Amino acid sequence: MANVAVVGAQWGDEGKGKIVDWLSERADVIVRFQGGHNAGHTLVIGERVFKLSLLPSGIVRPGKLAVIGNGVVLDPWALLDEIATVRAQGLDVTPDNLIVAENTPLILPVHQHLDVLREAAAGQARIGTTGRGIGPAYEDKVGRRAVRAADLADPATLSSRLDRLMAHHGALRAGLGAEPPDRAALETALAEVAPRLLPFVRPAWQVLRDRRRAGDRLLFEGAQGALLDVDFGTYPYVTSSSTLGGAAAAGSGVGPGAIDFVLAIVKAYTTRVGEGPFPCELDEAVGVHLATVGRETGTVTGRARRCGWFDAVLVRQTCAISGANGIALTKLDVLDGLDTLKICVAYELDGSRLDHLPAASDLQARVRPVYETLPGWRQSTARARSWADLPAEAVKYVRRIEELIDCPVALLSTSPEREDTILVTDPFAD
């Protein structure tokens, strides 16, 4: 059976939650493969609204298995709080429908403290992190001093991990003028949380192997977007993990051959949260319109999103890097009522025309968009469920995007409701 990876193709906030939820009806297992609780998905199920940041979107559907993969950095207290929240909304979350990979590294209070201290010390050079400890937790993972989920079951191993962790963070905090971390308090906190988290902890790679062999469909769910990828994003204003389609395999414990279709989620315009370059950013009335009509505030952080015209240069680049087989275009209805629309088709830099965003930070900050103007439409596209429901100008806009990004539209989302989706190509089709 076909397996699908869903990734963001911009700076995140593209509407992955709704698309993953829509696809999860066709999947048996939904796997979160990277990121932490700095990104969120909003799911609208009838009259209920679920805001998830760690739980895979499939948790809202009965009969599905949700897996938090080893590529995630996991704040155990945040996860347990989120479980309590959705349980209060009527969802059943147990070790039967949620698995945490045993080799998942944990986000600890020391990571959050370090995140905040660094951003404060950076001043104008701050990156704009959420202060939730994601970056420092990934640093400790690659530095081979992370506490992982399985370590909570063995006090001796946990103590050894904490020895390395405290030595490293003590030196860092001293350099930033802060008191050393309280090891005893951290050890007590982990001892208290261990019996609550460990029932969910299992070798996820084995479960995924067995479910694949049984013919189940797997859906891999990414967080953030390709332009926040630690290698290919607008570095250093990026997240600390790989957000691309290729990360789905390594971040969950399946081989790359397990991914049959990479679906890139693309917003019909462009948004960004936090610091960093944004060639198509709009400060004028249109930007305010997009932010207002699109309700552009972060699900988890509540931070306002910067808004701009659709950047075909960036999306063409991210679709290629992620190996996208198709895109899901979201929030087309936000453009309803605009007389004209613009699409960035190239960049200009020092008199030269570029067909990609360069990697150098100084060049990224200096590129200027080259726009193509298209007619807008007055009719509403909201809740359209077929091409025939769309204004002709909207169809032309979508088709022009396909041409410019060299990738076809597989799905078109026309509202937050899961039923308001136009299916062009089923990613799960064999």
Protein backbone atom coordinates (compact mmCIF):
# COMPACT_ATOMS: atom_id res chain seq x y z
CA MET A 1 0.00 0.00 0.00
CA ALA A 2 1.18 3.55 -0.71
CA ASN A 3 2.66 5.60 2.13
CA VAL A 4 2.63 9.40 2.16
CA ALA A 5 4.87 12.06 3.74
CA VAL A 6 3.39 15.52 4.30
CA VAL A 7 5.76 18.47 4.58
CA GLY A 8 5.45 22.25 4.54
CA ALA A 9 6.89 23.98 1.47
CA GLN A 10 7.14 27.51 2.88
CA TRP A 11 7.98 28.86 6.36
CA GLY A 12 5.43 26.66 8.11
CA ASP A 13 1.81 27.52 8.97
CA GLU A 14 0.70 26.29 5.54
CA GLY A 15 -2.32 24.37 6.83
CA LYS A 16 -0.72 20.95 7.29
CA GLY A 17 -3.05 20.06 10.17
CA LYS A 18 -6.22 20.06 8.10
CA ILE A 19 -4.56 18.21 5.20
CA VAL A 20 -3.03 15.56 7.45
CA ASP A 21 -6.36 15.14 9.19
CA TRP A 22 -8.09 14.77 5.82
CA LEU A 23 -5.53 12.20 4.67
CA SER A 24 -5.59 10.34 7.99
CA GLU A 25 -9.04 9.03 7.12
CA ARG A 26 -7.28 6.98 4.42
CA ALA A 27 -4.30 6.02 6.59
CA ASP A 28 -3.91 3.46 9.37
CA VAL A 29 -0.84 4.90 11.13
CA ILE A 30 0.07 8.59 11.47
CA VAL A 31 3.70 9.38 12.37
CA ARG A 32 5.17 12.68 13.55
CA PHE A 33 8.84 12.58 12.45
CA GLN A 34 10.56 15.86 13.48
CA GLY A 35 10.26 19.10 15.41
CA GLY A 36 8.99 19.79 18.89
CA HIS A 37 6.09 21.64 20.48
CA ASN A 38 7.03 24.93 18.85
CA ALA A 39 4.69 24.30 15.92
CA GLY A 40 0.96 23.70 16.03
CA HIS A 41 -1.89 22.29 13.98
CA THR A 42 -5.46 23.50 14.27
CA LEU A 43 -8.08 20.88 13.40
CA VAL A 44 -11.75 21.75 13.01
CA ILE A 45 -13.96 18.71 13.55
CA GLY A 46 -17.58 19.76 13.33
CA GLU A 47 -18.08 22.19 16.21
CA ARG A 48 -14.90 21.15 17.99
CA VAL A 49 -11.50 22.81 17.48
CA PHE A 50 -8.38 20.88 18.44
CA LYS A 51 -5.04 22.64 18.73
CA LEU A 52 -2.24 20.08 18.63
CA SER A 53 1.50 20.69 18.85
CA LEU A 54 3.00 17.27 19.70
CA LEU A 55 0.23 14.76 19.15
CA PRO A 56 0.02 13.49 15.56
CA SER A 57 -3.12 14.75 13.85
CA GLY A 58 -4.49 11.23 13.49
CA ILE A 59 -5.14 11.12 17.23
CA VAL A 60 -8.52 12.78 16.61
CA ARG A 61 -9.71 9.80 14.57
CA PRO A 62 -10.78 6.56 16.28
CA GLY A 63 -9.10 3.38 15.15
CA LYS A 64 -5.85 5.05 14.08
CA LEU A 65 -2.39 4.58 15.59
CA ALA A 66 -0.45 7.78 16.32
CA VAL A 67 3.33 7.60 16.61
CA ILE A 68 5.82 10.20 17.86
CA GLY A 69 9.04 9.29 16.08
CA ASN A 70 12.65 9.50 17.14
CA GLY A 71 13.21 12.60 14.99
CA VAL A 72 11.04 14.62 17.37
CA VAL A 73 12.41 16.28 20.50
CA LEU A 74 9.80 15.69 23.17
CA ASP A 75 8.87 17.78 26.17
CA PRO A 76 7.19 15.10 28.33
CA TRP A 77 5.30 17.63 30.45
CA ALA A 78 3.98 19.41 27.36
CA LEU A 79 2.87 16.08 25.87
CA LEU A 80 1.05 15.01 29.02
CA ASP A 81 -0.65 18.42 29.27
CA GLU A 82 -1.76 18.12 25.65
CA ILE A 83 -3.10 14.62 26.26
CA ALA A 84 -5.07 15.93 29.24
CA THR A 85 -6.48 18.76 27.13
CA VAL A 86 -7.73 16.55 24.29
CA ARG A 87 -9.08 14.00 26.73
CA ALA A 88 -11.16 16.78 28.26
CA GLN A 89 -12.48 17.41 24.73
CA GLY A 90 -13.63 13.82 24.48
CA LEU A 91 -10.71 12.08 22.77
CA ASP A 92 -9.42 8.71 23.96
CA VAL A 93 -5.61 8.70 24.25
CA THR A 94 -4.01 5.52 25.57
CA PRO A 95 -0.91 3.39 24.85
CA ASP A 96 -3.14 1.50 22.43
CA ASN A 97 -3.42 4.45 20.06
CA LEU A 98 -0.32 6.51 20.90
CA ILE A 99 3.31 5.36 20.81
CA VAL A 100 6.43 7.35 21.68
CA ALA A 101 9.62 6.00 20.12
CA GLU A 102 11.95 4.77 22.83
CA ASN A 103 14.92 6.65 21.33
CA THR A 104 13.15 10.01 21.28
CA PRO A 105 15.29 12.71 22.97
CA LEU A 106 13.60 14.74 25.69
CA ILE A 107 13.32 18.50 26.07
CA LEU A 108 14.11 19.38 29.68
CA PRO A 109 13.77 22.62 31.67
CA VAL A 110 17.50 23.27 31.20
CA HIS A 111 16.92 23.45 27.44
CA GLN A 112 14.17 26.02 27.80
CA HIS A 113 16.25 28.12 30.19
CA LEU A 114 19.22 28.07 27.83
CA ASP A 115 17.03 29.00 24.86
CA VAL A 116 15.70 32.09 26.64
CA LEU A 117 19.11 33.11 27.99
CA ARG A 118 20.71 32.95 24.55
CA GLU A 119 18.00 34.94 22.82
CA ALA A 120 18.21 37.64 25.49
CA ALA A 121 22.00 37.79 25.20
CA ALA A 122 21.87 37.97 21.38
CA GLY A 123 20.02 41.28 21.32
CA GLN A 124 19.54 42.45 17.73
CA ALA A 125 21.17 39.23 16.48
CA ARG A 126 18.42 37.06 17.99
CA ILE A 127 17.01 34.33 15.76
CA GLY A 128 13.43 34.59 16.98
CA THR A 129 13.00 31.17 18.60
CA THR A 130 9.89 30.28 20.57
CA GLY A 131 11.96 29.77 23.72
CA ARG A 132 10.70 26.21 24.15
CA GLY A 133 14.11 24.53 24.17
CA ILE A 134 13.91 22.89 20.75
CA GLY A 135 17.35 23.99 19.52
CA PRO A 136 19.27 23.18 22.71
CA ALA A 137 17.60 19.75 22.87
CA TYR A 138 18.72 18.95 19.32
CA GLU A 139 22.22 20.19 20.22
CA ASP A 140 22.38 17.74 23.10
CA LYS A 141 21.13 14.95 20.84
CA VAL A 142 23.97 15.38 18.35
CA GLY A 143 26.37 16.11 21.24
CA ARG A 144 25.53 12.62 22.62
CA ARG A 145 24.40 13.86 26.00
CA ALA A 146 20.61 13.78 25.56
CA VAL A 147 18.21 12.09 27.93
CA ARG A 148 16.02 9.83 25.82
CA ALA A 149 12.61 8.38 26.58
CA ALA A 150 13.97 4.90 27.30
CA ASP A 151 16.42 6.29 29.85
CA LEU A 152 13.56 7.07 32.22
CA ALA A 153 13.17 3.34 32.87
CA ASP A 154 16.74 2.92 34.18
CA PRO A 155 17.86 5.20 37.05
CA ALA A 156 21.53 4.30 36.57
CA THR A 157 21.52 5.24 32.90
CA LEU A 158 19.54 8.38 33.65
CA SER A 159 22.06 9.44 36.28
CA SER A 160 24.92 8.95 33.84
CA ARG A 161 23.13 11.02 31.20
CA LEU A 162 22.51 13.79 33.70
CA ASP A 163 26.22 13.87 34.66
CA ARG A 164 27.17 14.79 31.08
CA LEU A 165 24.21 17.12 30.67
CA MET A 166 24.88 19.09 33.86
CA ALA A 167 28.58 19.51 33.09
CA HIS A 168 27.76 20.98 29.70
CA HIS A 169 24.89 23.22 30.74
CA GLY A 170 26.64 24.39 33.88
CA ALA A 171 29.48 25.80 31.78
CA LEU A 172 27.11 27.40 29.28
CA ARG A 173 25.01 29.05 31.96
CA ALA A 174 28.10 30.34 33.75
CA GLY A 175 29.22 31.96 30.52
CA LEU A 176 25.85 33.69 30.28
CA GLY A 177 25.99 34.88 33.88
CA ALA A 178 23.32 32.48 35.14
CA GLU A 179 23.22 30.13 38.12
CA PRO A 180 24.05 26.45 37.48
CA PRO A 181 21.09 24.12 36.81
CA ASP A 182 19.48 22.38 39.76
CA ARG A 183 20.29 18.73 39.14
CA ALA A 184 18.37 17.42 42.15
CA ALA A 185 15.18 19.22 41.11
CA LEU A 186 15.51 17.91 37.54
CA GLU A 187 16.12 14.34 38.71
CA THR A 188 13.06 14.55 40.96
CA ALA A 189 10.92 15.95 38.15
CA LEU A 190 12.00 13.14 35.79
CA ALA A 191 11.30 10.50 38.43
CA GLU A 192 7.79 11.90 38.79
CA VAL A 193 7.05 12.09 35.08
CA ALA A 194 8.59 8.71 34.16
CA PRO A 195 5.65 6.46 35.22
CA ARG A 196 3.24 8.71 33.29
CA LEU A 197 5.27 8.70 30.05
CA LEU A 198 6.77 5.20 29.98
CA PRO A 199 3.50 3.34 29.22
CA PHE A 200 3.57 5.03 25.78
CA VAL A 201 7.25 4.25 25.10
CA ARG A 202 8.01 1.43 22.65
CA PRO A 203 10.41 0.56 19.80
CA ALA A 204 8.41 2.45 17.19
CA TRP A 205 10.51 1.25 14.25
CA GLN A 206 9.42 -2.33 14.94
CA VAL A 207 5.77 -1.36 15.11
CA LEU A 208 6.04 0.52 11.82
CA ARG A 209 7.84 -2.39 10.18
CA ASP A 210 5.13 -4.81 11.28
CA ARG A 211 2.29 -2.50 10.24
CA ARG A 212 3.86 -2.05 6.79
CA ARG A 213 4.20 -5.80 6.40
CA ALA A 214 0.54 -6.16 7.30
CA GLY A 215 -0.35 -3.82 4.43
CA ASP A 216 -1.30 -0.79 6.50
CA ARG A 217 -1.00 2.70 5.05
CA LEU A 218 1.44 5.03 6.81
CA LEU A 219 1.13 8.82 6.86
CA PHE A 220 4.23 10.77 7.92
CA GLU A 221 3.56 14.23 9.34
CA GLY A 222 6.17 16.97 9.37
CA ALA A 223 6.26 20.23 11.30
CA GLN A 224 7.35 23.75 10.31
CA GLY A 225 8.31 24.15 6.63
CA ALA A 226 11.13 23.60 4.16
CA LEU A 227 12.33 27.20 4.44
CA LEU A 228 13.01 26.53 8.12
CA ASP A 229 15.09 23.43 7.34
CA VAL A 230 18.42 23.48 9.16
CA ASP A 231 20.32 22.80 5.92
CA PHE A 232 18.26 24.37 3.14
CA GLY A 233 16.26 27.04 4.95
CA THR A 234 17.01 30.74 5.43
CA TYR A 235 19.90 29.96 7.77
CA PRO A 236 20.43 30.91 10.60
CA TYR A 237 16.75 31.87 10.92
CA VAL A 238 15.70 28.23 10.83
CA THR A 239 14.59 25.43 13.10
CA SER A 240 17.04 22.81 14.39
CA SER A 241 15.89 19.77 12.43
CA SER A 242 15.39 18.68 8.85
CA THR A 243 11.88 19.56 7.73
CA LEU A 244 12.13 17.98 4.26
CA GLY A 245 10.51 14.88 2.80
CA GLY A 246 13.71 12.88 3.24
CA ALA A 247 13.57 13.37 7.00
CA ALA A 248 10.43 11.23 7.28
CA ALA A 249 12.43 8.02 6.95
CA ALA A 250 15.24 8.78 9.39
CA GLY A 251 12.91 10.48 11.86
CA SER A 252 10.64 7.46 12.20
CA GLY A 253 12.86 4.43 11.61
CA VAL A 254 11.71 3.31 8.19
CA GLY A 255 13.80 3.10 5.04
CA PRO A 256 13.51 5.77 2.33
CA GLY A 257 11.80 3.25 0.09
CA ALA A 258 8.82 3.33 2.45
CA ILE A 259 7.85 6.82 1.23
CA ASP A 260 5.80 6.54 -1.95
CA PHE A 261 4.43 10.09 -2.25
CA VAL A 262 5.69 13.39 -0.84
CA LEU A 263 2.90 15.94 -0.54
CA ALA A 264 4.06 19.53 -0.05
CA ILE A 265 1.59 21.88 1.63
CA VAL A 266 1.56 25.33 0.07
CA LYS A 267 -0.40 28.41 1.11
CA ALA A 268 -1.87 30.48 -1.76
CA TYR A 269 0.17 33.42 -0.47
CA THR A 270 3.24 33.54 1.80
CA THR A 271 3.63 33.99 5.55
CA ARG A 272 6.49 33.90 8.00
CA VAL A 273 6.78 34.09 11.81
CA GLY A 274 9.84 35.53 13.51
CA GLU A 275 13.05 37.02 12.19
CA GLY A 276 14.75 36.46 8.86
CA PRO A 277 14.57 37.39 5.17
CA PHE A 278 11.20 37.54 3.40
CA PRO A 279 11.52 38.83 -0.18
CA CYS A 280 7.78 39.15 -0.85
CA GLU A 281 6.74 40.69 2.47
CA LEU A 282 4.01 43.33 2.28
CA ASP A 283 3.72 46.17 4.77
CA GLU A 284 0.92 47.89 2.89
CA ALA A 285 -2.85 47.46 2.97
CA VAL A 286 -2.77 44.15 1.09
CA GLY A 287 -0.49 42.65 3.73
CA VAL A 288 -2.87 43.76 6.46
CA HIS A 289 -5.77 42.27 4.47
CA LEU A 290 -4.06 38.89 4.16
CA ALA A 291 -3.20 38.86 7.87
CA THR A 292 -6.73 39.84 8.90
CA VAL A 293 -8.75 37.64 6.57
CA GLY A 294 -6.31 34.74 6.92
CA ARG A 295 -6.27 35.04 10.73
CA GLU A 296 -2.51 34.88 10.63
CA THR A 297 -1.42 34.27 14.20
CA GLY A 298 0.55 31.27 15.41
CA THR A 299 -1.43 28.33 16.79
CA VAL A 300 1.04 27.70 19.62
CA THR A 301 2.78 31.04 20.17
CA GLY A 302 0.05 33.51 19.20
CA ARG A 303 2.69 35.54 17.35
CA ALA A 304 1.54 37.59 14.36
CA ARG A 305 2.67 36.25 10.99
CA ARG A 306 4.29 38.44 8.38
CA CYS A 307 2.39 38.24 5.07
CA GLY A 308 3.24 38.63 1.39
CA TRP A 309 2.46 37.57 -2.15
CA PHE A 310 2.98 34.01 -3.37
CA ASP A 311 6.66 33.30 -3.98
CA ALA A 312 6.92 30.76 -6.80
CA VAL A 313 10.73 30.90 -6.73
CA LEU A 314 10.87 29.60 -3.18
CA VAL A 315 8.16 26.96 -3.61
CA ARG A 316 9.76 25.63 -6.81
CA GLN A 317 13.01 25.34 -4.87
CA THR A 318 11.50 23.63 -1.81
CA CYS A 319 9.41 21.20 -3.88
CA ALA A 320 12.56 20.10 -5.68
CA ILE A 321 14.56 19.70 -2.46
CA SER A 322 11.78 17.73 -0.77
CA GLY A 323 11.12 15.58 -3.83
CA ALA A 324 7.47 16.64 -3.87
CA ASN A 325 5.18 14.57 -6.08
CA GLY A 326 2.35 17.07 -5.69
CA ILE A 327 1.17 20.00 -3.60
CA ALA A 328 -1.88 20.72 -1.48
CA LEU A 329 -2.78 24.37 -2.04
CA THR A 330 -4.50 25.97 0.97
CA LYS A 331 -6.28 29.21 1.92
CA LEU A 332 -7.16 30.22 -1.64
CA ASP A 333 -10.30 31.88 -0.24
CA VAL A 334 -8.19 34.49 1.59
CA LEU A 335 -7.51 36.04 -1.83
CA ASP A 336 -11.23 36.46 -2.60
CA GLY A 337 -12.19 40.03 -3.41
CA LEU A 338 -8.76 41.32 -4.43
CA ASP A 339 -8.77 43.08 -7.80
CA THR A 340 -5.27 42.01 -8.77
CA LEU A 341 -2.82 39.40 -7.50
CA LYS A 342 0.92 39.13 -7.80
CA ILE A 343 3.22 36.12 -7.99
CA CYS A 344 6.97 36.34 -7.55
CA VAL A 345 8.51 34.66 -10.61
CA ALA A 346 12.18 35.59 -10.12
CA TYR A 347 14.54 37.70 -8.02
CA GLU A 348 16.72 40.62 -8.91
CA LEU A 349 20.09 41.02 -7.24
CA ASP A 350 22.53 43.77 -8.18
CA GLY A 351 21.07 44.00 -11.66
CA SER A 352 21.08 40.25 -12.29
CA ARG A 353 18.05 37.97 -12.45
CA LEU A 354 18.03 34.88 -10.20
CA ASP A 355 15.81 31.79 -10.42
CA HIS A 356 16.53 30.64 -6.84
CA LEU A 357 17.18 31.98 -3.35
CA PRO A 358 20.94 31.97 -2.69
CA ALA A 359 22.29 30.37 0.48
CA ALA A 360 24.34 33.36 1.67
CA SER A 361 22.49 35.40 4.29
CA ASP A 362 23.60 38.78 2.95
CA LEU A 363 22.36 37.90 -0.53
CA GLN A 364 19.04 36.62 0.82
CA ALA A 365 18.50 39.95 2.53
CA ARG A 366 19.20 41.90 -0.66
CA VAL A 367 17.17 40.04 -3.31
CA ARG A 368 14.12 41.84 -4.65
CA PRO A 369 11.06 40.10 -6.09
CA VAL A 370 10.14 40.24 -9.75
CA TYR A 371 6.35 40.04 -9.95
CA GLU A 372 3.85 38.84 -12.50
CA THR A 373 0.37 40.36 -12.15
CA LEU A 374 -2.81 38.32 -12.54
CA PRO A 375 -6.47 39.33 -12.32
CA GLY A 376 -8.26 38.62 -9.06
CA TRP A 377 -11.83 37.48 -8.56
CA ARG A 378 -14.86 38.80 -6.73
CA GLN A 379 -16.74 35.55 -6.21
CA SER A 380 -16.15 33.43 -3.12
CA THR A 381 -14.00 30.32 -3.35
CA ALA A 382 -14.76 29.33 0.24
CA ARG A 383 -16.16 25.82 0.65
CA ALA A 384 -15.74 24.95 -3.02
CA ARG A 385 -15.58 21.17 -3.48
CA SER A 386 -14.99 20.91 -7.23
CA TRP A 387 -13.21 22.85 -9.96
CA ALA A 388 -16.62 23.87 -11.30
CA ASP A 389 -17.28 25.74 -8.04
CA LEU A 390 -14.28 28.03 -8.58
CA PRO A 391 -14.24 31.33 -10.49
CA ALA A 392 -12.34 31.12 -13.78
CA GLU A 393 -9.73 33.59 -12.53
CA ALA A 394 -9.08 31.42 -9.47
CA VAL A 395 -8.54 28.37 -11.67
CA LYS A 396 -6.11 30.38 -13.81
CA TYR A 397 -4.24 31.45 -10.67
CA VAL A 398 -3.89 27.84 -9.50
CA ARG A 399 -2.80 26.62 -12.93
CA ARG A 400 -0.19 29.38 -13.17
CA ILE A 401 1.22 28.36 -9.80
CA GLU A 402 1.54 24.77 -11.05
CA GLU A 403 3.48 25.96 -14.10
CA LEU A 404 5.81 28.16 -12.11
CA ILE A 405 6.70 25.65 -9.39
CA ASP A 406 7.01 22.62 -11.70
CA CYS A 407 4.73 20.56 -9.48
CA PRO A 408 1.05 19.64 -9.89
CA VAL A 409 -1.76 20.40 -7.46
CA ALA A 410 -2.93 17.16 -5.86
CA LEU A 411 -5.39 18.74 -3.42
CA LEU A 412 -7.00 22.14 -3.05
CA SER A 413 -8.29 23.28 0.35
CA THR A 414 -11.00 25.94 0.42
CA SER A 415 -11.75 26.26 4.16
CA PRO A 416 -10.59 24.85 7.51
CA GLU A 417 -13.37 22.22 7.29
CA ARG A 418 -12.03 18.84 6.21
CA GLU A 419 -14.85 18.27 3.69
CA ASP A 420 -14.02 21.47 1.80
CA THR A 421 -11.25 19.83 -0.18
CA ILE A 422 -10.93 19.27 -3.92
CA LEU A 423 -9.08 16.02 -4.66
CA VAL A 424 -7.16 16.00 -7.94
CA THR A 425 -4.72 13.15 -7.30
CA ASP A 426 -5.04 10.72 -4.38
CA PRO A 427 -1.56 10.48 -2.77
CA PHE A 428 -2.47 7.07 -1.41
CA ALA A 429 -3.31 5.62 -4.82
CA ASP A 430 -1.11 2.62 -5.58
